[in-house]
Protein backbone atom coordinates (compact mmCIF):
# COMPACT_ATOMS: atom_id res chain seq x y z
CA UNK A 1 -20.86 6.06 -10.17
CA UNK A 2 -21.43 7.32 -6.64
CA UNK A 3 -19.91 10.52 -5.30
CA UNK A 4 -17.26 8.77 -3.19
CA UNK A 5 -16.04 6.74 -6.16
CA UNK A 6 -15.92 9.86 -8.37
CA UNK A 7 -13.85 11.58 -5.73
CA UNK A 8 -11.35 8.73 -5.59
CA UNK A 9 -11.10 8.60 -9.39
CA UNK A 10 -10.59 12.37 -9.62
CA UNK A 11 -8.02 12.30 -6.82
CA UNK A 12 -6.01 9.54 -8.50
CA UNK A 13 -6.17 11.23 -11.90
CA UNK A 14 -4.87 14.55 -10.55
CA UNK A 15 -2.36 13.32 -7.95
CA UNK A 16 1.41 13.62 -8.37
CA UNK A 17 3.46 10.47 -8.86
CA UNK A 18 4.58 10.69 -5.26
CA UNK A 19 1.04 11.03 -3.96
CA UNK A 20 -0.06 8.08 -6.15
CA UNK A 21 2.63 5.99 -4.50
CA UNK A 22 1.32 6.88 -1.06
CA UNK A 23 -2.23 6.04 -2.19
CA UNK A 24 -0.97 2.68 -3.43
CA UNK A 25 0.79 2.00 -0.13
CA UNK A 26 -2.39 2.86 1.75
CA UNK A 27 -4.35 0.48 -0.44
CA UNK A 28 -1.95 -2.32 0.38
CA UNK A 29 -2.29 -1.56 4.08
CA UNK A 30 -6.10 -1.49 3.87
CA UNK A 31 -6.13 -4.83 2.11
CA UNK A 32 -3.79 -6.41 4.66
CA UNK A 33 -6.03 -5.15 7.49
CA UNK A 34 -9.13 -6.44 5.71
CA UNK A 35 -7.51 -9.83 5.23
CA UNK A 36 -6.47 -9.99 8.89
CA UNK A 37 -9.98 -9.06 10.03
CA UNK A 38 -11.51 -11.69 7.76
CA UNK A 39 -9.14 -14.40 8.99
CA UNK A 40 -9.70 -13.44 12.61
CA UNK A 41 -13.46 -13.17 12.72
CA UNK A 42 -15.03 -12.60 9.38
CA UNK A 43 -15.80 -14.68 6.35
CA UNK A 44 -12.57 -16.32 5.21
CA UNK A 45 -13.61 -15.82 1.60
CA UNK A 46 -12.95 -12.09 1.97
CA UNK A 47 -9.34 -12.71 2.96
CA UNK A 48 -8.11 -14.22 -0.31
CA UNK A 49 -9.05 -11.31 -2.61
CA UNK A 50 -7.64 -8.80 -0.12
CA UNK A 51 -4.39 -10.76 0.12
CA UNK A 52 -4.22 -11.00 -3.67
CA UNK A 53 -4.64 -7.24 -4.02
CA UNK A 54 -1.93 -6.60 -1.42
CA UNK A 55 0.34 -9.08 -3.14
CA UNK A 56 -0.18 -7.42 -6.53
CA UNK A 57 0.72 -4.01 -5.08
CA UNK A 58 3.85 -5.37 -3.34
CA UNK A 59 4.91 -7.18 -6.52
CA UNK A 60 4.53 -3.91 -8.45
CA UNK A 61 6.63 -2.04 -5.88
CA UNK A 62 9.26 -4.77 -6.11
CA UNK A 63 9.36 -4.66 -9.90
CA UNK A 64 9.81 -0.88 -10.00
CA UNK A 65 12.85 -0.70 -7.74
CA UNK A 66 15.76 1.02 -9.52
CA UNK A 67 18.81 -0.97 -8.52
CA UNK A 68 21.15 1.20 -10.66
CA UNK A 69 20.22 4.50 -9.01
CA UNK A 70 20.09 3.30 -5.40
CA UNK A 71 21.55 -0.20 -5.17
CA UNK A 72 21.70 -0.50 -1.36
CA UNK A 73 18.25 0.97 -0.79
CA UNK A 74 16.76 -1.14 -3.56
CA UNK A 75 18.36 -4.33 -2.22
CA UNK A 76 17.03 -3.62 1.27
CA UNK A 77 13.53 -2.85 0.03
CA UNK A 78 13.59 -5.90 -2.24
CA UNK A 79 14.40 -8.13 0.70
CA UNK A 80 11.54 -6.69 2.76
CA UNK A 81 9.08 -6.90 -0.16
CA UNK A 82 10.05 -10.52 -0.78
CA UNK A 83 9.55 -11.31 2.91
CA UNK A 84 6.09 -9.69 2.77
CA UNK A 85 5.15 -11.64 -0.36
CA UNK A 86 6.27 -14.85 1.31
CA UNK A 87 4.11 -14.10 4.35
CA UNK A 88 1.12 -13.30 2.16
CA UNK A 89 1.56 -16.60 0.34
CA UNK A 90 1.78 -18.46 3.64
CA UNK A 91 -1.34 -16.67 4.89
CA UNK A 92 -3.24 -17.65 1.76
CA UNK A 93 -2.17 -21.27 2.01
CA UNK A 94 -2.72 -21.72 5.74
CA UNK A 95 -5.39 -19.10 6.52
CA UNK A 96 -3.24 -18.20 9.49
CA UNK A 97 -3.64 -14.53 10.49
CA UNK A 98 -0.20 -14.51 12.14
CA UNK A 99 1.41 -14.36 8.70
CA UNK A 100 -0.70 -11.33 7.75
CA UNK A 101 0.33 -9.57 10.97
CA UNK A 102 3.99 -10.29 10.16
CA UNK A 103 3.51 -8.81 6.68
CA UNK A 104 1.86 -5.73 8.19
CA UNK A 105 4.68 -5.22 10.71
CA UNK A 106 7.22 -5.34 7.91
CA UNK A 107 5.24 -3.15 5.51
CA UNK A 108 3.85 -0.41 7.77
CA UNK A 109 7.21 1.31 8.48
CA UNK A 110 7.94 1.44 4.76
CA UNK A 111 4.55 3.00 4.05
CA UNK A 112 5.00 5.49 6.88
CA UNK A 113 8.47 6.43 5.68
CA UNK A 114 7.32 7.05 2.12
CA UNK A 115 4.37 9.09 3.35
CA UNK A 116 6.61 11.23 5.53
CA UNK A 117 9.05 11.78 2.65
CA UNK A 118 6.23 12.84 0.30
CA UNK A 119 4.84 15.23 2.91
CA UNK A 120 8.28 16.80 3.30
CA UNK A 121 8.59 17.13 -0.44
CA UNK A 122 5.19 18.81 -0.58
CA UNK A 123 6.02 21.28 2.16
CA UNK A 124 9.39 22.08 0.57
CA UNK A 125 7.83 22.94 -2.76
């Protein structure tokens, strides 16, 4: 295992739950960007695995929403996550980068909001 991989493994094993969530959100963003790049100019074969990884992360986020604790927030996030999943599916079927960009535009504010909240939690503690 190379040094960079060991660092990532150590970081994920020692991170708080909140920090792990941010890392997961960043991974989804990276995969969406990689898929968009592949569909725009790279080998299209790279796009499908990146879209699948993004989809798996979004599906996990959707499945972990707690509708009892925060029903309105959960309903809103669920609607956005479902929209993103739909766009990823359309991108996979059509190889149209526009759908990936739509998914990114919907997902990026959520990722930024969670990251900001986690930073504020870290500075408050």
